[in-house]
Amino acid sequence: MLESCHSMIFYPEELVRYEKHCLLSEIGLEGQKKLKNASVLCVGLGGLGSPVALYLAAAGVGRLGLVDDDVVVLSNLHRQILHSTRDCHELKIKSAQRKLHDLNPHVHLDLHEVRLNASNARSLAAPYDLIIDGSDNFSTRYLMNDLAFFLKKPLVYGSIFRFEGHCTLFDTAQGGPCYRCIFPEPPAANAIPSCAQAGVLGVLPGIIGTLQATEALKWILNIGESLVGRLLQVNALSMKFREFHLRQSPHCPLCGTSPSIRELIDLEESCRLLPPMNNPISSVPSIAVEELEQKLHSGNPFLLIDVREPFEYEICHLQGARLMPLGSLPLEFSALKREQEVYIYCRSGGRSAQAVEFLGNNGFAKVFNVEGGILAWADRIDPTLQKY
């Protein structure tokens, strides 16, 4: 239920401003009142946060919390449209305040000039109805996911890389999956370059951020069909939209049946506490992707297992690989022959290392982890393979 934090009085200018909304039978004046009474926390005011904040302010969302401690940089302006050239070297939060107030002075802005972390996240997010992820790093992304779960608030997720982006809505309070259900392990350090390192098409965060704003408005208004349980993938080069169905994982370390994460933890600390989830287990037998390529061309029989989730397999996989998600491995491994030579891969090497250790402990003598997973394969063997 949306928290009541704003007056329902509309000024005459507002009735004119939102006229086109009110003409829509799905919104009307009552829907516009819902928007005015809603509160949204926007974490990040960069490429994704720019269209999110602009469109939510324009739509009349009554209270926006803005979280960012960074400054405006010239090389980011091709995608961070909330800011302008004269704002360079100024705090993004100050630039955003000025632009959003100019756009809609009826929106209340809470300025949080901080970096979200485990110690401040709860107090920052508690007053808001919904959280939107406009971050650009995995530490904040995992923290926001855990925060939304513990506070029982929906989280609108978005991510971008080069020419491709993703968007979904995580709402575990309604039985949907969380980010850790899909990506239980953060990628290895430096496995995925940032926008600063790899580049990004400037309009792409505009597309994804606008989709995020759309999901937020639909949730507030309780209209349409949300992206809960669906991951929308956008490829700007081919202009193709793909949809992947997501499911809650019973093995999720956060929202599964036997959770191991019971409090907010910054990613660096989480890596220390849960090494199997985040880093390949150093003691398991492993091979490099170059060795796997040679074995694939050798013609000698062996079993190649992909322990990722089904939707990841749909995005990309190695030819001949058998899909066996890590969570189902304890139920399915009995069908495998212990004397068989087995090679296991995942996205970046963490889940596959766990699988190798599990099979090794259950009598498999010739089982190997593919170091770096399918990301390493895409980087060093087949650059045409779709990365995510």
Protein backbone atom coordinates (compact mmCIF):
# COMPACT_ATOMS: atom_id res chain seq x y z
CA MET A 1 0.00 0.00 0.00
CA LEU A 2 1.35 3.44 -0.90
CA GLU A 3 2.31 5.61 2.03
CA SER A 4 0.26 8.79 2.42
CA CYS A 5 2.80 11.60 2.51
CA HIS A 6 1.37 14.34 0.32
CA SER A 7 -1.71 16.50 0.19
CA MET A 8 -4.33 15.50 -2.35
CA ILE A 9 -4.91 19.15 -3.27
CA PHE A 10 -4.13 19.87 -6.92
CA TYR A 11 -3.26 23.39 -7.94
CA PRO A 12 -5.03 24.60 -11.09
CA GLU A 13 -1.72 24.53 -12.97
CA GLU A 14 -1.33 20.86 -12.08
CA LEU A 15 -4.70 19.95 -13.54
CA VAL A 16 -3.54 21.48 -16.81
CA ARG A 17 -0.11 19.84 -16.56
CA TYR A 18 -1.55 16.34 -16.14
CA GLU A 19 -4.51 16.78 -18.47
CA LYS A 20 -3.39 14.09 -20.92
CA HIS A 21 -2.93 11.60 -18.07
CA CYS A 22 -6.39 12.36 -16.76
CA LEU A 23 -7.89 11.71 -20.19
CA LEU A 24 -6.72 8.10 -19.99
CA SER A 25 -9.42 5.95 -18.45
CA GLU A 26 -6.73 3.76 -16.85
CA ILE A 27 -5.37 6.78 -14.96
CA GLY A 28 -7.86 9.64 -14.66
CA LEU A 29 -7.84 12.06 -11.75
CA GLU A 30 -7.80 9.26 -9.18
CA GLY A 31 -4.73 7.74 -10.79
CA GLN A 32 -3.01 11.10 -10.86
CA LYS A 33 -3.73 11.39 -7.14
CA LYS A 34 -2.00 8.03 -6.65
CA LEU A 35 1.05 9.37 -8.46
CA LYS A 36 1.07 12.55 -6.36
CA ASN A 37 0.85 10.44 -3.21
CA ALA A 38 3.64 8.06 -4.25
CA SER A 39 7.29 8.12 -3.24
CA VAL A 40 10.17 6.60 -5.21
CA LEU A 41 13.85 6.21 -4.36
CA CYS A 42 16.12 6.61 -7.40
CA VAL A 43 19.61 5.28 -6.76
CA GLY A 44 22.02 6.75 -9.31
CA LEU A 45 21.60 9.84 -11.48
CA GLY A 46 23.65 8.76 -14.48
CA GLY A 47 22.62 7.16 -17.75
CA LEU A 48 19.70 5.16 -16.34
CA GLY A 49 18.79 7.55 -13.54
CA SER A 50 18.48 10.50 -15.91
CA PRO A 51 15.41 9.33 -17.88
CA VAL A 52 13.97 7.68 -14.77
CA ALA A 53 14.05 10.89 -12.73
CA LEU A 54 12.93 13.10 -15.61
CA TYR A 55 9.91 10.99 -16.54
CA LEU A 56 8.80 10.34 -12.95
CA ALA A 57 9.00 14.05 -12.17
CA ALA A 58 7.16 14.89 -15.38
CA ALA A 59 4.47 12.31 -14.54
CA GLY A 60 3.83 13.96 -11.17
CA VAL A 61 5.22 11.38 -8.74
CA GLY A 62 4.92 13.39 -5.53
CA ARG A 63 8.19 12.54 -3.81
CA LEU A 64 11.49 11.52 -5.36
CA GLY A 65 14.49 10.48 -3.32
CA LEU A 66 17.73 11.02 -5.25
CA VAL A 67 20.87 9.11 -4.21
CA ASP A 68 24.23 9.97 -5.80
CA ASP A 69 27.59 11.25 -4.57
CA ASP A 70 29.31 11.66 -7.95
CA VAL A 71 29.98 14.71 -10.11
CA VAL A 72 29.05 15.51 -13.71
CA VAL A 73 31.75 14.56 -16.23
CA LEU A 74 31.88 15.74 -19.84
CA SER A 75 32.52 12.26 -21.27
CA ASN A 76 29.25 11.01 -19.75
CA LEU A 77 26.95 13.68 -21.18
CA HIS A 78 26.18 11.68 -24.33
CA ARG A 79 23.95 9.50 -22.16
CA GLN A 80 23.36 11.38 -18.88
CA ILE A 81 20.74 13.75 -20.26
CA LEU A 82 19.69 15.07 -16.86
CA HIS A 83 22.88 17.15 -16.86
CA SER A 84 24.42 19.69 -19.24
CA THR A 85 27.83 21.06 -20.16
CA ARG A 86 27.68 23.90 -17.65
CA ASP A 87 27.10 21.34 -14.88
CA CYS A 88 30.50 19.68 -15.37
CA HIS A 89 32.39 19.16 -12.08
CA GLU A 90 29.19 19.93 -10.13
CA LEU A 91 27.54 17.29 -7.99
CA LYS A 92 24.98 15.35 -10.01
CA ILE A 93 22.47 15.67 -7.21
CA LYS A 94 22.61 19.48 -7.39
CA SER A 95 22.32 19.49 -11.16
CA ALA A 96 19.40 17.07 -10.94
CA GLN A 97 17.65 19.17 -8.32
CA ARG A 98 17.77 22.23 -10.57
CA LYS A 99 16.59 20.42 -13.71
CA LEU A 100 13.80 18.49 -12.04
CA HIS A 101 12.52 21.56 -10.21
CA ASP A 102 12.46 23.44 -13.49
CA LEU A 103 10.56 20.56 -15.08
CA ASN A 104 7.99 20.18 -12.31
CA PRO A 105 8.11 22.39 -9.20
CA HIS A 106 5.28 20.39 -7.60
CA VAL A 107 7.49 17.35 -7.01
CA HIS A 108 9.20 17.15 -3.61
CA LEU A 109 12.88 16.18 -3.94
CA ASP A 110 14.89 14.49 -1.17
CA LEU A 111 18.63 14.88 -1.84
CA HIS A 112 20.89 12.13 -0.50
CA GLU A 113 24.47 13.03 -1.34
CA VAL A 114 25.87 9.65 -0.31
CA ARG A 115 26.92 6.33 -1.76
CA LEU A 116 24.49 3.57 -0.84
CA ASN A 117 26.02 1.03 1.53
CA ALA A 118 24.94 -1.57 4.05
CA SER A 119 24.99 0.88 6.94
CA ASN A 120 22.80 3.60 5.41
CA ALA A 121 20.57 1.67 2.98
CA ARG A 122 17.71 0.81 5.31
CA SER A 123 17.23 4.33 6.66
CA LEU A 124 17.45 5.81 3.15
CA ALA A 125 14.92 3.45 1.56
CA ALA A 126 12.44 2.99 4.41
CA PRO A 127 10.26 6.08 3.66
CA TYR A 128 9.72 5.20 -0.02
CA ASP A 129 7.20 2.94 -1.73
CA LEU A 130 9.45 1.67 -4.51
CA ILE A 131 13.17 1.55 -5.36
CA ILE A 132 14.70 2.04 -8.80
CA ASP A 133 18.16 0.74 -9.65
CA GLY A 134 20.11 3.27 -11.70
CA SER A 135 23.49 2.04 -10.48
CA ASP A 136 26.54 1.13 -12.53
CA ASN A 137 28.30 -1.39 -10.29
CA PHE A 138 27.61 -4.86 -8.92
CA SER A 139 28.17 -3.94 -5.28
CA THR A 140 25.25 -1.48 -5.30
CA ARG A 141 23.13 -3.78 -7.47
CA TYR A 142 23.31 -6.72 -5.06
CA LEU A 143 22.85 -4.42 -2.07
CA MET A 144 19.67 -2.90 -3.55
CA ASN A 145 18.29 -6.35 -4.29
CA ASP A 146 18.82 -7.48 -0.71
CA LEU A 147 17.48 -4.18 0.63
CA ALA A 148 14.26 -4.48 -1.38
CA PHE A 149 13.78 -8.05 -0.15
CA PHE A 150 14.24 -7.20 3.53
CA LEU A 151 12.00 -4.11 3.32
CA LYS A 152 9.42 -5.97 1.19
CA LYS A 153 9.51 -3.24 -1.44
CA PRO A 154 9.51 -3.65 -5.24
CA LEU A 155 12.74 -2.96 -7.13
CA VAL A 156 12.83 -1.85 -10.76
CA TYR A 157 16.04 -3.23 -12.24
CA GLY A 158 17.89 -2.00 -15.31
CA SER A 159 21.35 -2.61 -16.75
CA ILE A 160 23.24 -1.62 -19.89
CA PHE A 161 26.35 -2.81 -21.72
CA ARG A 162 27.56 -1.49 -25.09
CA PHE A 163 24.46 -1.95 -27.32
CA GLU A 164 22.36 -4.14 -25.05
CA GLY A 165 20.20 -3.57 -22.00
CA HIS A 166 17.93 -5.45 -19.59
CA CYS A 167 14.93 -4.48 -17.51
CA THR A 168 12.66 -6.25 -15.04
CA LEU A 169 10.71 -5.71 -11.83
CA PHE A 170 11.66 -7.68 -8.74
CA ASP A 171 8.82 -7.99 -6.22
CA THR A 172 9.48 -10.87 -3.84
CA ALA A 173 6.61 -9.78 -1.58
CA GLN A 174 4.31 -10.87 -4.42
CA GLY A 175 6.11 -14.18 -4.93
CA GLY A 176 8.46 -13.06 -7.70
CA PRO A 177 12.16 -13.90 -7.99
CA CYS A 178 14.98 -11.64 -6.84
CA TYR A 179 18.23 -10.71 -8.56
CA ARG A 180 20.12 -13.42 -6.67
CA CYS A 181 17.69 -16.05 -7.97
CA ILE A 182 18.98 -15.23 -11.44
CA PHE A 183 22.58 -14.24 -10.74
CA PRO A 184 23.54 -15.92 -7.44
CA GLU A 185 27.19 -15.01 -7.93
CA PRO A 186 28.74 -11.66 -8.82
CA PRO A 187 31.09 -11.91 -11.81
CA ALA A 188 34.79 -12.28 -11.16
CA ALA A 189 36.69 -9.05 -10.68
CA ASN A 190 37.14 -7.21 -14.00
CA ALA A 191 35.23 -9.94 -15.86
CA ILE A 192 32.77 -7.37 -17.20
CA PRO A 193 34.17 -3.95 -18.13
CA SER A 194 32.34 -0.79 -17.16
CA CYS A 195 30.85 1.71 -19.60
CA ALA A 196 34.01 3.77 -19.15
CA GLN A 197 36.07 0.79 -20.32
CA ALA A 198 33.82 -0.80 -22.96
CA GLY A 199 31.70 2.14 -24.12
CA VAL A 200 27.94 2.37 -24.47
CA LEU A 201 25.55 3.68 -27.10
CA GLY A 202 24.26 6.95 -25.67
CA VAL A 203 20.57 6.34 -26.37
CA LEU A 204 20.55 2.83 -24.85
CA PRO A 205 20.23 3.94 -21.20
CA GLY A 206 17.48 6.25 -22.41
CA ILE A 207 15.56 3.24 -23.71
CA ILE A 208 16.12 1.12 -20.59
CA GLY A 209 15.61 4.01 -18.15
CA THR A 210 12.33 4.90 -19.83
CA LEU A 211 11.22 1.27 -19.51
CA GLN A 212 12.12 1.41 -15.81
CA ALA A 213 10.07 4.57 -15.35
CA THR A 214 7.18 2.88 -17.16
CA GLU A 215 7.30 -0.11 -14.80
CA ALA A 216 7.37 2.22 -11.79
CA LEU A 217 4.33 4.18 -12.99
CA LYS A 218 2.38 1.00 -13.75
CA TRP A 219 3.15 -0.36 -10.29
CA ILE A 220 2.02 2.83 -8.58
CA LEU A 221 -1.16 2.96 -10.67
CA ASN A 222 -1.72 -0.80 -10.47
CA ILE A 223 -2.41 -1.03 -14.18
CA GLY A 224 -1.21 -3.23 -17.03
CA GLU A 225 1.05 -6.27 -16.84
CA SER A 226 4.32 -5.82 -14.99
CA LEU A 227 7.68 -7.40 -15.78
CA VAL A 228 7.65 -9.46 -12.57
CA GLY A 229 8.94 -12.89 -13.58
CA ARG A 230 10.07 -11.62 -16.99
CA LEU A 231 13.42 -10.21 -18.08
CA LEU A 232 13.23 -7.92 -21.10
CA GLN A 233 16.37 -7.80 -23.23
CA VAL A 234 16.89 -4.99 -25.75
CA ASN A 235 19.50 -5.11 -28.52
CA ALA A 236 19.81 -1.66 -30.05
CA LEU A 237 21.90 -2.86 -33.02
CA SER A 238 19.36 -5.40 -34.25
CA MET A 239 16.44 -3.51 -32.63
CA LYS A 240 15.16 -6.78 -31.25
CA PHE A 241 13.37 -7.28 -27.96
CA ARG A 242 13.56 -10.69 -26.30
CA GLU A 243 11.79 -11.90 -23.18
CA PHE A 244 13.07 -14.50 -20.74
CA HIS A 245 10.87 -16.06 -18.08
CA LEU A 246 12.32 -15.95 -14.60
CA ARG A 247 11.43 -18.07 -11.61
CA GLN A 248 12.12 -17.92 -7.92
CA SER A 249 14.92 -20.30 -7.04
CA PRO A 250 14.45 -22.48 -3.95
CA HIS A 251 18.26 -22.46 -3.67
CA CYS A 252 18.55 -18.66 -3.68
CA PRO A 253 20.85 -17.57 -0.81
CA LEU A 254 18.48 -14.67 -0.06
CA CYS A 255 14.85 -15.69 -0.71
CA GLY A 256 15.21 -19.47 -1.05
CA THR A 257 14.03 -22.14 1.34
CA SER A 258 17.29 -22.18 3.33
CA PRO A 259 18.68 -18.62 3.05
CA SER A 260 22.26 -17.91 4.08
CA ILE A 261 21.98 -14.12 3.74
CA ARG A 262 20.09 -12.67 6.69
CA GLU A 263 21.32 -9.08 6.79
CA LEU A 264 22.58 -6.36 4.48
CA ILE A 265 26.21 -6.90 3.53
CA ASP A 266 28.35 -4.86 1.18
CA LEU A 267 29.61 -6.96 -1.71
CA GLU A 268 33.25 -6.93 -0.60
CA GLU A 269 32.30 -8.38 2.79
CA SER A 270 29.92 -10.83 1.15
CA CYS A 271 32.76 -12.12 -0.98
CA ARG A 272 34.75 -12.88 2.14
CA LEU A 273 31.84 -14.63 3.84
CA LEU A 274 30.64 -16.64 0.85
CA PRO A 275 33.67 -17.52 -1.29
CA PRO A 276 32.01 -20.42 -3.13
CA MET A 277 29.33 -18.11 -4.47
CA ASN A 278 31.70 -15.48 -5.79
CA ASN A 279 35.08 -17.00 -6.58
CA PRO A 280 36.10 -20.28 -8.16
CA ILE A 281 37.20 -22.77 -5.53
CA SER A 282 40.96 -22.86 -5.96
CA SER A 283 41.32 -26.54 -5.04
CA VAL A 284 39.01 -27.98 -7.70
CA PRO A 285 40.49 -29.39 -10.93
CA SER A 286 40.18 -26.78 -13.69
CA ILE A 287 40.97 -26.17 -17.33
CA ALA A 288 41.23 -23.00 -19.39
CA VAL A 289 38.77 -22.27 -22.19
CA GLU A 290 41.57 -22.82 -24.73
CA GLU A 291 41.99 -26.40 -23.46
CA LEU A 292 38.24 -26.97 -23.66
CA GLU A 293 38.24 -25.77 -27.27
CA GLN A 294 40.94 -28.33 -28.12
CA LYS A 295 38.94 -31.10 -26.47
CA LEU A 296 35.80 -30.11 -28.38
CA HIS A 297 37.73 -30.48 -31.65
CA SER A 298 39.50 -33.70 -30.62
CA GLY A 299 36.48 -35.94 -31.12
CA ASN A 300 37.09 -37.76 -27.85
CA PRO A 301 33.89 -38.40 -25.87
CA PHE A 302 33.18 -36.37 -22.73
CA LEU A 303 30.23 -34.66 -21.08
CA LEU A 304 29.91 -30.86 -21.09
CA ILE A 305 27.51 -29.50 -18.46
CA ASP A 306 26.09 -25.97 -18.19
CA VAL A 307 25.00 -25.26 -14.60
CA ARG A 308 23.39 -21.85 -15.29
CA GLU A 309 19.67 -21.12 -15.26
CA PRO A 310 17.48 -21.91 -18.31
CA PHE A 311 17.07 -18.27 -19.33
CA GLU A 312 20.87 -17.83 -19.33
CA TYR A 313 21.18 -20.90 -21.53
CA GLU A 314 18.73 -19.29 -23.96
CA ILE A 315 20.90 -16.20 -24.27
CA CYS A 316 24.02 -18.16 -25.16
CA HIS A 317 25.53 -21.59 -24.63
CA LEU A 318 28.26 -23.86 -25.93
CA GLN A 319 27.26 -26.36 -28.59
CA GLY A 320 26.63 -29.81 -27.17
CA ALA A 321 26.34 -28.62 -23.58
CA ARG A 322 23.79 -30.30 -21.34
CA LEU A 323 21.78 -27.88 -19.19
CA MET A 324 21.73 -28.89 -15.53
CA PRO A 325 21.19 -25.85 -13.25
CA LEU A 326 23.28 -25.90 -10.09
CA GLY A 327 20.19 -26.03 -7.88
CA SER A 328 18.96 -29.22 -9.55
CA LEU A 329 22.34 -30.96 -9.62
CA PRO A 330 21.80 -32.89 -6.32
CA LEU A 331 18.61 -34.33 -7.83
CA GLU A 332 19.99 -35.18 -11.26
CA PHE A 333 23.62 -36.21 -10.82
CA SER A 334 22.71 -39.86 -10.17
CA ALA A 335 21.90 -40.18 -13.88
CA LEU A 336 25.55 -39.40 -14.73
CA LYS A 337 28.29 -42.02 -14.99
CA ARG A 338 31.01 -41.54 -12.38
CA GLU A 339 33.74 -42.86 -14.69
CA GLN A 340 32.83 -40.32 -17.39
CA GLU A 341 35.03 -37.33 -18.16
CA VAL A 342 33.00 -34.21 -17.25
CA TYR A 343 33.63 -30.51 -17.89
CA ILE A 344 31.40 -27.93 -16.23
CA TYR A 345 30.93 -24.24 -16.97
CA CYS A 346 28.70 -21.40 -15.83
CA ARG A 347 28.76 -17.64 -16.41
CA SER A 348 32.10 -16.80 -14.82
CA GLY A 349 33.33 -19.88 -12.95
CA GLY A 350 31.79 -19.70 -9.47
CA ARG A 351 28.78 -21.97 -9.80
CA SER A 352 30.68 -24.47 -11.91
CA ALA A 353 33.40 -24.69 -9.26
CA GLN A 354 30.74 -25.53 -6.70
CA ALA A 355 29.37 -28.21 -9.04
CA VAL A 356 32.81 -29.72 -9.55
CA GLU A 357 33.38 -29.86 -5.81
CA PHE A 358 29.96 -31.47 -5.28
CA LEU A 359 30.50 -34.16 -7.92
CA GLY A 360 34.03 -34.77 -6.68
CA ASN A 361 32.67 -35.40 -3.21
CA ASN A 362 30.21 -37.89 -4.72
CA GLY A 363 32.69 -40.16 -6.42
CA PHE A 364 33.40 -38.43 -9.75
CA ALA A 365 37.14 -38.69 -10.40
CA LYS A 366 37.37 -36.92 -13.77
CA VAL A 367 35.38 -33.70 -13.38
CA PHE A 368 36.80 -30.26 -14.22
CA ASN A 369 35.80 -26.62 -13.88
CA VAL A 370 36.03 -24.36 -16.95
CA GLU A 371 37.84 -21.30 -15.61
CA GLY A 372 36.11 -17.99 -16.31
CA GLY A 373 33.01 -19.68 -17.68
CA ILE A 374 31.19 -18.60 -20.81
CA LEU A 375 32.38 -15.01 -20.37
CA ALA A 376 35.98 -16.19 -20.81
CA TRP A 377 34.91 -18.23 -23.84
CA ALA A 378 33.34 -15.13 -25.40
CA ASP A 379 36.42 -13.03 -24.64
CA ARG A 380 39.10 -15.48 -25.82
CA ILE A 381 37.49 -18.00 -28.16
CA ASP A 382 34.31 -16.69 -29.79
CA PRO A 383 33.76 -12.91 -29.62
CA THR A 384 30.47 -13.29 -31.54
CA LEU A 385 28.93 -15.07 -28.54
CA GLN A 386 26.28 -12.97 -26.78
CA LYS A 387 27.59 -11.66 -23.43
CA TYR A 388 25.28 -10.61 -20.62
